Amino acid sequence: MKILWIYPELPYPLTSGYLRGFHLLRFLSPHHAVTFFSLTHCEVVPPETTQVLERYAERVEIFAASGAPQPVWLKILRILPFVGWRLREIWSTRWAVEQMDRAVQSSLKENDFDVVLFHGREAISILNGLQVPVVVECGDTNSTRILQQMRQSRLRERPKVLFHYIAERRKEQILATKSPYRCFISARDRENLLGPSDRSDVVPQGVDCDYWKRRLPAPGCNCIVFSGVMNYPPNIDAAIFLLESIVPIVRRVLPRLEVVIVGRDPAPELINAARPYQDVHITGAVPDVRPYLERADVF
């Protein structure tokens, strides 16, 4: 097939957080002709990113919000505390989406695409009036995570989180109405957004089982390993919960216990939580997670 793929952010390098998109592109490319359009909020796009994506797509176009013109009124509003940067971000993103929309319309006139594959929420307006079948990658529902966050938030924080939840859920519902062809990461996400009767396809996260296969038996050194991007709030919360609530219970049985937290950009509150313990190690970014998994008795 000829696929026009609209994506919300560059899925490379592999630390971008968009691994699902990168590997889906990698697996689609041998069998289909992909034109890949991506928004980005990166100030500078590494040349390697474009080179790698061009291996898997016949055409790659990147629409950078950083290239948006900055009118005088916006420069004035930028000095406002708290909201100035947000206004600039909204303006820049809208400008990039408009550039992408023009490119999409032009491409649809010049090419006979079989399908438009759409991922993201910022560029939903591009889908209005398209005559080509659209497959919407709904992914995971952010609103589900935000609702869980609200249940754990302090009372004074809940109105802000509730507003975020309502806004995000509305975007997700609008996206889901744009096409009858939808896919989700899990049945739970699908049900949370569209109810138990919906039958949209589930395309689960893939795992390369050979790449992640343990090569050596567990060393038996009482080592717990936790991995993730460590400036992501749910990961921070989970790691601190591990250190403060779970590890003390395990130490009653295994006093000699090593904990290794592996992942880039560890948050200051996580570093502070680990500081009192000599046997807790925070690695930051590592070139390969597998050697740490080989050390783990529990991951």
C-alpha atoms as a PDB file:
ATOM      1  CA  MET A   1       0.000   0.000   0.000  1.00  0.00           C
ATOM      2  CA  LYS A   2       0.882   3.675  -0.255  1.00  0.00           C
ATOM      3  CA  ILE A   3       0.685   5.066   3.276  1.00  0.00           C
ATOM      4  CA  LEU A   4       0.750   8.712   4.350  1.00  0.00           C
ATOM      5  CA  TRP A   5       1.750   8.687   8.001  1.00  0.00           C
ATOM      6  CA  ILE A   6       1.174  11.766  10.185  1.00  0.00           C
ATOM      7  CA  TYR A   7       3.121  11.624  13.439  1.00  0.00           C
ATOM      8  CA  PRO A   8       3.318  13.993  16.469  1.00  0.00           C
ATOM      9  CA  GLU A   9       7.077  13.899  17.174  1.00  0.00           C
ATOM     10  CA  LEU A  10      10.264  12.498  15.738  1.00  0.00           C
ATOM     11  CA  PRO A  11      10.550   8.809  16.747  1.00  0.00           C
ATOM     12  CA  TYR A  12      14.339   8.807  16.695  1.00  0.00           C
ATOM     13  CA  PRO A  13      16.797   8.643  18.479  1.00  0.00           C
ATOM     14  CA  LEU A  14      15.545   5.644  20.415  1.00  0.00           C
ATOM     15  CA  THR A  15      15.544   7.691  23.619  1.00  0.00           C
ATOM     16  CA  SER A  16      12.816   9.922  22.166  1.00  0.00           C
ATOM     17  CA  GLY A  17      10.005   8.073  23.945  1.00  0.00           C
ATOM     18  CA  TYR A  18       8.392   7.162  20.599  1.00  0.00           C
ATOM     19  CA  LEU A  19       9.808   3.664  20.212  1.00  0.00           C
ATOM     20  CA  ARG A  20       6.433   2.275  19.167  1.00  0.00           C
ATOM     21  CA  GLY A  21       6.282   4.578  16.157  1.00  0.00           C
ATOM     22  CA  PHE A  22       9.860   3.900  15.108  1.00  0.00           C
ATOM     23  CA  HIS A  23       9.545   0.128  15.171  1.00  0.00           C
ATOM     24  CA  LEU A  24       6.137   0.185  13.494  1.00  0.00           C
ATOM     25  CA  LEU A  25       7.698   2.233  10.688  1.00  0.00           C
ATOM     26  CA  ARG A  26      10.603  -0.213  10.530  1.00  0.00           C
ATOM     27  CA  PHE A  27       8.274  -3.205  10.162  1.00  0.00           C
ATOM     28  CA  LEU A  28       5.883  -1.563   7.697  1.00  0.00           C
ATOM     29  CA  SER A  29       8.570  -0.257   5.336  1.00  0.00           C
ATOM     30  CA  PRO A  30       9.639  -3.563   3.670  1.00  0.00           C
ATOM     31  CA  HIS A  31       6.073  -4.207   2.499  1.00  0.00           C
ATOM     32  CA  HIS A  32       4.587  -0.739   1.934  1.00  0.00           C
ATOM     33  CA  ALA A  33       5.555   2.664   0.512  1.00  0.00           C
ATOM     34  CA  VAL A  34       5.486   5.103   3.434  1.00  0.00           C
ATOM     35  CA  THR A  35       5.500   8.894   3.268  1.00  0.00           C
ATOM     36  CA  PHE A  36       6.313  10.073   6.791  1.00  0.00           C
ATOM     37  CA  PHE A  37       5.290  13.557   8.027  1.00  0.00           C
ATOM     38  CA  SER A  38       6.273  14.480  11.580  1.00  0.00           C
ATOM     39  CA  LEU A  39       5.852  17.471  13.839  1.00  0.00           C
ATOM     40  CA  THR A  40       8.692  18.243  16.220  1.00  0.00           C
ATOM     41  CA  HIS A  41       9.305  20.559  19.127  1.00  0.00           C
ATOM     42  CA  CYS A  42      13.062  20.005  18.962  1.00  0.00           C
ATOM     43  CA  GLU A  43      15.068  23.170  18.537  1.00  0.00           C
ATOM     44  CA  VAL A  44      17.588  21.304  16.360  1.00  0.00           C
ATOM     45  CA  VAL A  45      16.914  18.076  14.476  1.00  0.00           C
ATOM     46  CA  PRO A  46      20.028  15.846  14.525  1.00  0.00           C
ATOM     47  CA  PRO A  47      21.099  14.896  10.974  1.00  0.00           C
ATOM     48  CA  GLU A  48      21.217  11.249  12.074  1.00  0.00           C
ATOM     49  CA  THR A  49      17.481  11.341  12.817  1.00  0.00           C
ATOM     50  CA  THR A  50      16.589  12.244   9.253  1.00  0.00           C
ATOM     51  CA  GLN A  51      19.081   9.759   7.835  1.00  0.00           C
ATOM     52  CA  VAL A  52      17.673   6.868   9.860  1.00  0.00           C
ATOM     53  CA  LEU A  53      14.026   7.680   9.062  1.00  0.00           C
ATOM     54  CA  GLU A  54      14.844   7.918   5.355  1.00  0.00           C
ATOM     55  CA  ARG A  55      15.946   4.269   5.433  1.00  0.00           C
ATOM     56  CA  TYR A  56      12.354   3.281   6.106  1.00  0.00           C
ATOM     57  CA  ALA A  57      10.276   5.927   4.316  1.00  0.00           C
ATOM     58  CA  GLU A  58      10.231   6.982   0.695  1.00  0.00           C
ATOM     59  CA  ARG A  59       9.779  10.566   1.782  1.00  0.00           C
ATOM     60  CA  VAL A  60      10.324  12.287   5.139  1.00  0.00           C
ATOM     61  CA  GLU A  61       9.153  15.801   5.958  1.00  0.00           C
ATOM     62  CA  ILE A  62       9.648  17.441   9.334  1.00  0.00           C
ATOM     63  CA  PHE A  63       7.600  20.416  10.522  1.00  0.00           C
ATOM     64  CA  ALA A  64       9.431  22.155  13.363  1.00  0.00           C
ATOM     65  CA  ALA A  65       7.531  24.400  15.751  1.00  0.00           C
ATOM     66  CA  SER A  66      10.827  26.174  16.456  1.00  0.00           C
ATOM     67  CA  GLY A  67      10.682  27.653  12.946  1.00  0.00           C
ATOM     68  CA  ALA A  68       7.495  29.611  13.640  1.00  0.00           C
ATOM     69  CA  PRO A  69       7.732  33.391  13.117  1.00  0.00           C
ATOM     70  CA  GLN A  70       7.560  35.415  16.313  1.00  0.00           C
ATOM     71  CA  PRO A  71       5.261  38.442  15.877  1.00  0.00           C
ATOM     72  CA  VAL A  72       5.760  41.506  18.051  1.00  0.00           C
ATOM     73  CA  TRP A  73       2.613  40.852  20.091  1.00  0.00           C
ATOM     74  CA  LEU A  74       3.874  37.400  20.996  1.00  0.00           C
ATOM     75  CA  LYS A  75       7.264  38.728  22.055  1.00  0.00           C
ATOM     76  CA  ILE A  76       5.482  41.155  24.361  1.00  0.00           C
ATOM     77  CA  LEU A  77       3.221  38.467  25.834  1.00  0.00           C
ATOM     78  CA  ARG A  78       6.200  36.176  26.421  1.00  0.00           C
ATOM     79  CA  ILE A  79       7.241  38.331  29.385  1.00  0.00           C
ATOM     80  CA  LEU A  80       4.087  37.324  31.274  1.00  0.00           C
ATOM     81  CA  PRO A  81       4.920  34.942  34.135  1.00  0.00           C
ATOM     82  CA  PHE A  82       3.700  31.358  33.860  1.00  0.00           C
ATOM     83  CA  VAL A  83       1.564  31.845  30.733  1.00  0.00           C
ATOM     84  CA  GLY A  84       4.030  33.581  28.393  1.00  0.00           C
ATOM     85  CA  TRP A  85       5.936  30.410  27.482  1.00  0.00           C
ATOM     86  CA  ARG A  86       2.679  28.504  27.063  1.00  0.00           C
ATOM     87  CA  LEU A  87       1.304  31.082  24.623  1.00  0.00           C
ATOM     88  CA  ARG A  88       4.488  30.826  22.602  1.00  0.00           C
ATOM     89  CA  GLU A  89       4.233  27.025  22.549  1.00  0.00           C
ATOM     90  CA  ILE A  90       0.590  27.103  21.391  1.00  0.00           C
ATOM     91  CA  TRP A  91       1.368  29.646  18.658  1.00  0.00           C
ATOM     92  CA  SER A  92       4.418  27.748  17.411  1.00  0.00           C
ATOM     93  CA  THR A  93       2.628  24.391  17.368  1.00  0.00           C
ATOM     94  CA  ARG A  94      -0.362  25.829  15.516  1.00  0.00           C
ATOM     95  CA  TRP A  95       1.945  27.335  12.911  1.00  0.00           C
ATOM     96  CA  ALA A  96       3.742  23.994  12.403  1.00  0.00           C
ATOM     97  CA  VAL A  97       0.405  22.161  12.079  1.00  0.00           C
ATOM     98  CA  GLU A  98      -0.701  24.638   9.399  1.00  0.00           C
ATOM     99  CA  GLN A  99       2.494  23.970   7.440  1.00  0.00           C
ATOM    100  CA  MET A 100       1.912  20.242   7.758  1.00  0.00           C
ATOM    101  CA  ASP A 101      -1.728  20.601   6.687  1.00  0.00           C
ATOM    102  CA  ARG A 102      -0.681  22.350   3.456  1.00  0.00           C
ATOM    103  CA  ALA A 103       1.857  19.616   2.747  1.00  0.00           C
ATOM    104  CA  VAL A 104      -0.729  16.889   3.403  1.00  0.00           C
ATOM    105  CA  GLN A 105      -3.257  18.466   1.038  1.00  0.00           C
ATOM    106  CA  SER A 106      -0.594  18.859  -1.647  1.00  0.00           C
ATOM    107  CA  SER A 107       0.587  15.258  -1.248  1.00  0.00           C
ATOM    108  CA  LEU A 108      -2.953  13.900  -1.473  1.00  0.00           C
ATOM    109  CA  LYS A 109      -3.456  15.739  -4.767  1.00  0.00           C
ATOM    110  CA  GLU A 110      -0.178  14.452  -6.221  1.00  0.00           C
ATOM    111  CA  ASN A 111      -0.348  10.836  -4.969  1.00  0.00           C
ATOM    112  CA  ASP A 112      -2.934   8.077  -4.798  1.00  0.00           C
ATOM    113  CA  PHE A 113      -2.536   7.074  -1.151  1.00  0.00           C
ATOM    114  CA  ASP A 114      -4.414   3.997   0.009  1.00  0.00           C
ATOM    115  CA  VAL A 115      -4.593   5.102   3.635  1.00  0.00           C
ATOM    116  CA  VAL A 116      -3.639   7.884   6.025  1.00  0.00           C
ATOM    117  CA  LEU A 117      -2.177   6.611   9.308  1.00  0.00           C
ATOM    118  CA  PHE A 118      -2.594   9.222  12.029  1.00  0.00           C
ATOM    119  CA  HIS A 119      -1.062   9.408  15.487  1.00  0.00           C
ATOM    120  CA  GLY A 120      -1.198  12.267  17.999  1.00  0.00           C
ATOM    121  CA  ARG A 121      -3.628  14.951  19.099  1.00  0.00           C
ATOM    122  CA  GLU A 122      -2.115  18.312  18.206  1.00  0.00           C
ATOM    123  CA  ALA A 123      -2.795  17.946  14.464  1.00  0.00           C
ATOM    124  CA  ILE A 124      -6.348  16.539  14.609  1.00  0.00           C
ATOM    125  CA  SER A 125      -7.599  19.406  12.431  1.00  0.00           C
ATOM    126  CA  ILE A 126      -5.691  17.922   9.464  1.00  0.00           C
ATOM    127  CA  LEU A 127      -8.171  15.023   9.353  1.00  0.00           C
ATOM    128  CA  ASN A 128     -11.157  17.254   8.604  1.00  0.00           C
ATOM    129  CA  GLY A 129     -12.577  16.518   5.173  1.00  0.00           C
ATOM    130  CA  LEU A 130     -10.039  13.902   4.089  1.00  0.00           C
ATOM    131  CA  GLN A 131     -11.363  11.639   1.338  1.00  0.00           C
ATOM    132  CA  VAL A 132      -8.779   8.898   1.952  1.00  0.00           C
ATOM    133  CA  PRO A 133      -9.462   6.155   4.546  1.00  0.00           C
ATOM    134  CA  VAL A 134      -7.905   7.107   7.877  1.00  0.00           C
ATOM    135  CA  VAL A 135      -6.547   4.726  10.507  1.00  0.00           C
ATOM    136  CA  VAL A 136      -6.257   6.449  13.883  1.00  0.00           C
ATOM    137  CA  GLU A 137      -3.612   5.141  16.288  1.00  0.00           C
ATOM    138  CA  CYS A 138      -5.222   6.031  19.629  1.00  0.00           C
ATOM    139  CA  GLY A 139      -2.347   4.425  21.538  1.00  0.00           C
ATOM    140  CA  ASP A 140      -2.806   4.605  25.278  1.00  0.00           C
ATOM    141  CA  THR A 141      -5.326   6.950  26.886  1.00  0.00           C
ATOM    142  CA  ASN A 142      -3.527   9.716  28.779  1.00  0.00           C
ATOM    143  CA  SER A 143      -6.775  10.580  30.534  1.00  0.00           C
ATOM    144  CA  THR A 144      -6.673   7.219  32.344  1.00  0.00           C
ATOM    145  CA  ARG A 145      -3.263   8.040  33.794  1.00  0.00           C
ATOM    146  CA  ILE A 146      -4.380  11.577  34.754  1.00  0.00           C
ATOM    147  CA  LEU A 147      -7.453  10.191  36.528  1.00  0.00           C
ATOM    148  CA  GLN A 148      -5.217   7.904  38.576  1.00  0.00           C
ATOM    149  CA  GLN A 149      -2.989  10.900  39.334  1.00  0.00           C
ATOM    150  CA  MET A 150      -5.998  12.894  40.571  1.00  0.00           C
ATOM    151  CA  ARG A 151      -6.925  10.132  43.015  1.00  0.00           C
ATOM    152  CA  GLN A 152      -3.465  10.392  44.560  1.00  0.00           C
ATOM    153  CA  SER A 153      -3.140  14.201  44.471  1.00  0.00           C
ATOM    154  CA  ARG A 154      -3.509  16.540  47.412  1.00  0.00           C
ATOM    155  CA  LEU A 155      -6.873  18.283  47.675  1.00  0.00           C
ATOM    156  CA  ARG A 156      -5.506  21.669  46.605  1.00  0.00           C
ATOM    157  CA  GLU A 157      -3.992  20.114  43.466  1.00  0.00           C
ATOM    158  CA  ARG A 158      -7.098  18.230  42.348  1.00  0.00           C
ATOM    159  CA  PRO A 159      -8.919  21.082  40.543  1.00  0.00           C
ATOM    160  CA  LYS A 160      -5.885  21.621  38.304  1.00  0.00           C
ATOM    161  CA  VAL A 161      -5.537  17.887  37.611  1.00  0.00           C
ATOM    162  CA  LEU A 162      -9.297  17.615  36.985  1.00  0.00           C
ATOM    163  CA  PHE A 163      -9.118  20.390  34.378  1.00  0.00           C
ATOM    164  CA  HIS A 164      -6.205  18.571  32.712  1.00  0.00           C
ATOM    165  CA  TYR A 165      -8.194  15.320  32.752  1.00  0.00           C
ATOM    166  CA  ILE A 166     -11.279  16.870  31.148  1.00  0.00           C
ATOM    167  CA  ALA A 167      -9.226  18.600  28.433  1.00  0.00           C
ATOM    168  CA  GLU A 168      -7.220  15.464  27.601  1.00  0.00           C
ATOM    169  CA  ARG A 169     -10.248  13.178  27.552  1.00  0.00           C
ATOM    170  CA  ARG A 170     -12.079  15.550  25.226  1.00  0.00           C
ATOM    171  CA  LYS A 171      -9.138  15.486  22.783  1.00  0.00           C
ATOM    172  CA  GLU A 172      -9.040  11.680  22.899  1.00  0.00           C
ATOM    173  CA  GLN A 173     -12.772  11.396  22.282  1.00  0.00           C
ATOM    174  CA  ILE A 174     -12.596  13.803  19.340  1.00  0.00           C
ATOM    175  CA  LEU A 175      -9.718  11.786  17.878  1.00  0.00           C
ATOM    176  CA  ALA A 176     -11.651   8.522  18.249  1.00  0.00           C
ATOM    177  CA  THR A 177     -14.605   9.973  16.294  1.00  0.00           C
ATOM    178  CA  LYS A 178     -12.464  10.884  13.280  1.00  0.00           C
ATOM    179  CA  SER A 179     -12.496   7.376  11.842  1.00  0.00           C
ATOM    180  CA  PRO A 180     -14.169   4.010  12.333  1.00  0.00           C
ATOM    181  CA  TYR A 181     -10.706   2.447  11.883  1.00  0.00           C
ATOM    182  CA  ARG A 182      -8.945   2.752  15.243  1.00  0.00           C
ATOM    183  CA  CYS A 183      -6.343   0.865  17.209  1.00  0.00           C
ATOM    184  CA  PHE A 184      -5.286   0.975  20.866  1.00  0.00           C
ATOM    185  CA  ILE A 185      -2.317  -0.346  22.808  1.00  0.00           C
ATOM    186  CA  SER A 186      -4.524  -2.334  25.184  1.00  0.00           C
ATOM    187  CA  ALA A 187      -8.124  -3.410  25.688  1.00  0.00           C
ATOM    188  CA  ARG A 188      -8.153  -1.429  28.929  1.00  0.00           C
ATOM    189  CA  ASP A 189      -7.354   1.827  27.119  1.00  0.00           C
ATOM    190  CA  ARG A 190     -10.004   1.092  24.501  1.00  0.00           C
ATOM    191  CA  GLU A 191     -12.650   0.347  27.120  1.00  0.00           C
ATOM    192  CA  ASN A 192     -11.792   3.382  29.248  1.00  0.00           C
ATOM    193  CA  LEU A 193     -12.354   5.672  26.281  1.00  0.00           C
ATOM    194  CA  LEU A 194     -15.090   3.994  24.228  1.00  0.00           C
ATOM    195  CA  GLY A 195     -16.740   1.505  26.582  1.00  0.00           C
ATOM    196  CA  PRO A 196     -16.837  -2.309  26.759  1.00  0.00           C
ATOM    197  CA  SER A 197     -18.857  -2.755  23.562  1.00  0.00           C
ATOM    198  CA  ASP A 198     -16.279  -1.138  21.248  1.00  0.00           C
ATOM    199  CA  ARG A 199     -14.340  -3.511  19.000  1.00  0.00           C
ATOM    200  CA  SER A 200     -11.500  -1.328  17.763  1.00  0.00           C
ATOM    201  CA  ASP A 201      -8.342  -3.322  17.153  1.00  0.00           C
ATOM    202  CA  VAL A 202      -5.713  -3.749  19.848  1.00  0.00           C
ATOM    203  CA  VAL A 203      -2.102  -3.588  18.640  1.00  0.00           C
ATOM    204  CA  PRO A 204      -0.093  -4.355  21.790  1.00  0.00           C
ATOM    205  CA  GLN A 205       3.424  -3.229  22.494  1.00  0.00           C
ATOM    206  CA  GLY A 206       5.956  -5.600  20.978  1.00  0.00           C
ATOM    207  CA  VAL A 207       9.002  -7.074  22.673  1.00  0.00           C
ATOM    208  CA  ASP A 208      12.018  -8.530  20.892  1.00  0.00           C
ATOM    209  CA  CYS A 209      12.263 -11.635  23.063  1.00  0.00           C
ATOM    210  CA  ASP A 210      15.612 -12.735  21.641  1.00  0.00           C
ATOM    211  CA  TYR A 211      17.246  -9.334  22.240  1.00  0.00           C
ATOM    212  CA  TRP A 212      16.002  -9.237  25.835  1.00  0.00           C
ATOM    213  CA  LYS A 213      16.723 -12.882  26.642  1.00  0.00           C
ATOM    214  CA  ARG A 214      18.793 -13.496  29.764  1.00  0.00           C
ATOM    215  CA  ARG A 215      22.172 -14.987  28.800  1.00  0.00           C
ATOM    216  CA  LEU A 216      23.349 -16.001  32.278  1.00  0.00           C
ATOM    217  CA  PRO A 217      21.545 -17.411  35.309  1.00  0.00           C
ATOM    218  CA  ALA A 218      20.566 -14.930  38.009  1.00  0.00           C
ATOM    219  CA  PRO A 219      23.679 -14.270  40.139  1.00  0.00           C
ATOM    220  CA  GLY A 220      21.827 -14.559  43.453  1.00  0.00           C
ATOM    221  CA  CYS A 221      23.303 -11.360  44.891  1.00  0.00           C
ATOM    222  CA  ASN A 222      19.967  -9.978  46.137  1.00  0.00           C
ATOM    223  CA  CYS A 223      19.720  -7.241  43.519  1.00  0.00           C
ATOM    224  CA  ILE A 224      16.541  -5.390  42.520  1.00  0.00           C
ATOM    225  CA  VAL A 225      16.659  -3.412  39.260  1.00  0.00           C
ATOM    226  CA  PHE A 226      14.133  -0.777  38.220  1.00  0.00           C
ATOM    227  CA  SER A 227      14.331   0.801  34.761  1.00  0.00           C
ATOM    228  CA  GLY A 228      12.579   3.631  32.980  1.00  0.00           C
ATOM    229  CA  VAL A 229      12.865   7.261  31.925  1.00  0.00           C
ATOM    230  CA  MET A 230      13.415   8.696  35.350  1.00  0.00           C
ATOM    231  CA  ASN A 231      12.015  12.191  34.878  1.00  0.00           C
ATOM    232  CA  TYR A 232       8.583  10.776  33.943  1.00  0.00           C
ATOM    233  CA  PRO A 233       6.253  11.384  36.949  1.00  0.00           C
ATOM    234  CA  PRO A 234       4.740   7.865  37.166  1.00  0.00           C
ATOM    235  CA  ASN A 235       8.254   6.350  37.090  1.00  0.00           C
ATOM    236  CA  ILE A 236       9.515   8.780  39.741  1.00  0.00           C
ATOM    237  CA  ASP A 237       6.539   7.932  41.945  1.00  0.00           C
ATOM    238  CA  ALA A 238       7.047   4.179  41.491  1.00  0.00           C
ATOM    239  CA  ALA A 239      10.796   4.299  42.191  1.00  0.00           C
ATOM    240  CA  ILE A 240      10.369   6.383  45.350  1.00  0.00           C
ATOM    241  CA  PHE A 241       7.606   4.021  46.498  1.00  0.00           C
ATOM    242  CA  LEU A 242       9.995   1.118  45.914  1.00  0.00           C
ATOM    243  CA  LEU A 243      12.727   2.757  48.032  1.00  0.00           C
ATOM    244  CA  GLU A 244      10.557   4.049  50.864  1.00  0.00           C
ATOM    245  CA  SER A 245       7.794   1.451  51.188  1.00  0.00           C
ATOM    246  CA  ILE A 246       8.894  -1.855  49.659  1.00  0.00           C
ATOM    247  CA  VAL A 247      12.645  -2.123  50.204  1.00  0.00           C
ATOM    248  CA  PRO A 248      12.452  -1.671  54.019  1.00  0.00           C
ATOM    249  CA  ILE A 249      10.114  -4.688  54.200  1.00  0.00           C
ATOM    250  CA  VAL A 250      12.418  -6.827  52.047  1.00  0.00           C
ATOM    251  CA  ARG A 251      15.441  -5.805  54.149  1.00  0.00           C
ATOM    252  CA  ARG A 252      13.870  -7.407  57.205  1.00  0.00           C
ATOM    253  CA  VAL A 253      14.515 -10.748  55.509  1.00  0.00           C
ATOM    254  CA  LEU A 254      17.514  -9.794  53.319  1.00  0.00           C
ATOM    255  CA  PRO A 255      19.565  -7.104  55.077  1.00  0.00           C
ATOM    256  CA  ARG A 256      22.143  -7.108  52.271  1.00  0.00           C
ATOM    257  CA  LEU A 257      20.073  -5.875  49.365  1.00  0.00           C
ATOM    258  CA  GLU A 258      21.220  -3.851  46.360  1.00  0.00           C
ATOM    259  CA  VAL A 259      18.814  -1.603  44.427  1.00  0.00           C
ATOM    260  CA  VAL A 260      19.791  -0.235  41.005  1.00  0.00           C
ATOM    261  CA  ILE A 261      17.625   2.374  39.276  1.00  0.00           C
ATOM    262  CA  VAL A 262      18.527   2.543  35.592  1.00  0.00           C
ATOM    263  CA  GLY A 263      17.333   5.280  33.254  1.00  0.00           C
ATOM    264  CA  ARG A 264      18.080   8.705  31.875  1.00  0.00           C
ATOM    265  CA  ASP A 265      17.351  12.073  33.510  1.00  0.00           C
ATOM    266  CA  PRO A 266      16.783  11.012  37.141  1.00  0.00           C
ATOM    267  CA  ALA A 267      14.650  13.623  38.901  1.00  0.00           C
ATOM    268  CA  PRO A 268      16.119  15.549  41.879  1.00  0.00           C
ATOM    269  CA  GLU A 269      13.469  14.158  44.259  1.00  0.00           C
ATOM    270  CA  LEU A 270      14.485  10.622  43.297  1.00  0.00           C
ATOM    271  CA  ILE A 271      18.164  11.370  43.825  1.00  0.00           C
ATOM    272  CA  ASN A 272      17.334  12.830  47.248  1.00  0.00           C
ATOM    273  CA  ALA A 273      15.256   9.777  48.172  1.00  0.00           C
ATOM    274  CA  ALA A 274      18.172   7.469  47.315  1.00  0.00           C
ATOM    275  CA  ARG A 275      20.894   9.520  49.016  1.00  0.00           C
ATOM    276  CA  PRO A 276      20.558   7.995  52.550  1.00  0.00           C
ATOM    277  CA  TYR A 277      21.221   4.455  51.254  1.00  0.00           C
ATOM    278  CA  GLN A 278      24.707   3.226  50.368  1.00  0.00           C
ATOM    279  CA  ASP A 279      23.331   0.197  48.524  1.00  0.00           C
ATOM    280  CA  VAL A 280      20.978   2.149  46.230  1.00  0.00           C
ATOM    281  CA  HIS A 281      22.541   3.210  42.929  1.00  0.00           C
ATOM    282  CA  ILE A 282      21.084   5.530  40.308  1.00  0.00           C
ATOM    283  CA  THR A 283      22.880   5.143  36.999  1.00  0.00           C
ATOM    284  CA  GLY A 284      21.364   7.835  34.791  1.00  0.00           C
ATOM    285  CA  ALA A 285      21.525   7.128  31.051  1.00  0.00           C
ATOM    286  CA  VAL A 286      23.308   3.920  30.029  1.00  0.00           C
ATOM    287  CA  PRO A 287      24.196   2.680  26.519  1.00  0.00           C
ATOM    288  CA  ASP A 288      22.637  -0.743  27.147  1.00  0.00           C
ATOM    289  CA  VAL A 289      20.199  -1.784  29.882  1.00  0.00           C
ATOM    290  CA  ARG A 290      20.819  -5.527  29.475  1.00  0.00           C
ATOM    291  CA  PRO A 291      23.975  -5.809  31.640  1.00  0.00           C
ATOM    292  CA  TYR A 292      21.968  -4.397  34.554  1.00  0.00           C
ATOM    293  CA  LEU A 293      19.135  -6.847  33.930  1.00  0.00           C
ATOM    294  CA  GLU A 294      21.684  -9.680  34.004  1.00  0.00           C
ATOM    295  CA  ARG A 295      22.579  -8.599  37.565  1.00  0.00           C
ATOM    296  CA  ALA A 296      18.958  -8.582  38.715  1.00  0.00           C
ATOM    297  CA  ASP A 297      17.307 -11.206  40.862  1.00  0.00           C
ATOM    298  CA  VAL A 298      14.122  -9.154  40.587  1.00  0.00           C
ATOM    299  CA  PHE A 299      13.371  -6.643  37.823  1.00  0.00           C
END
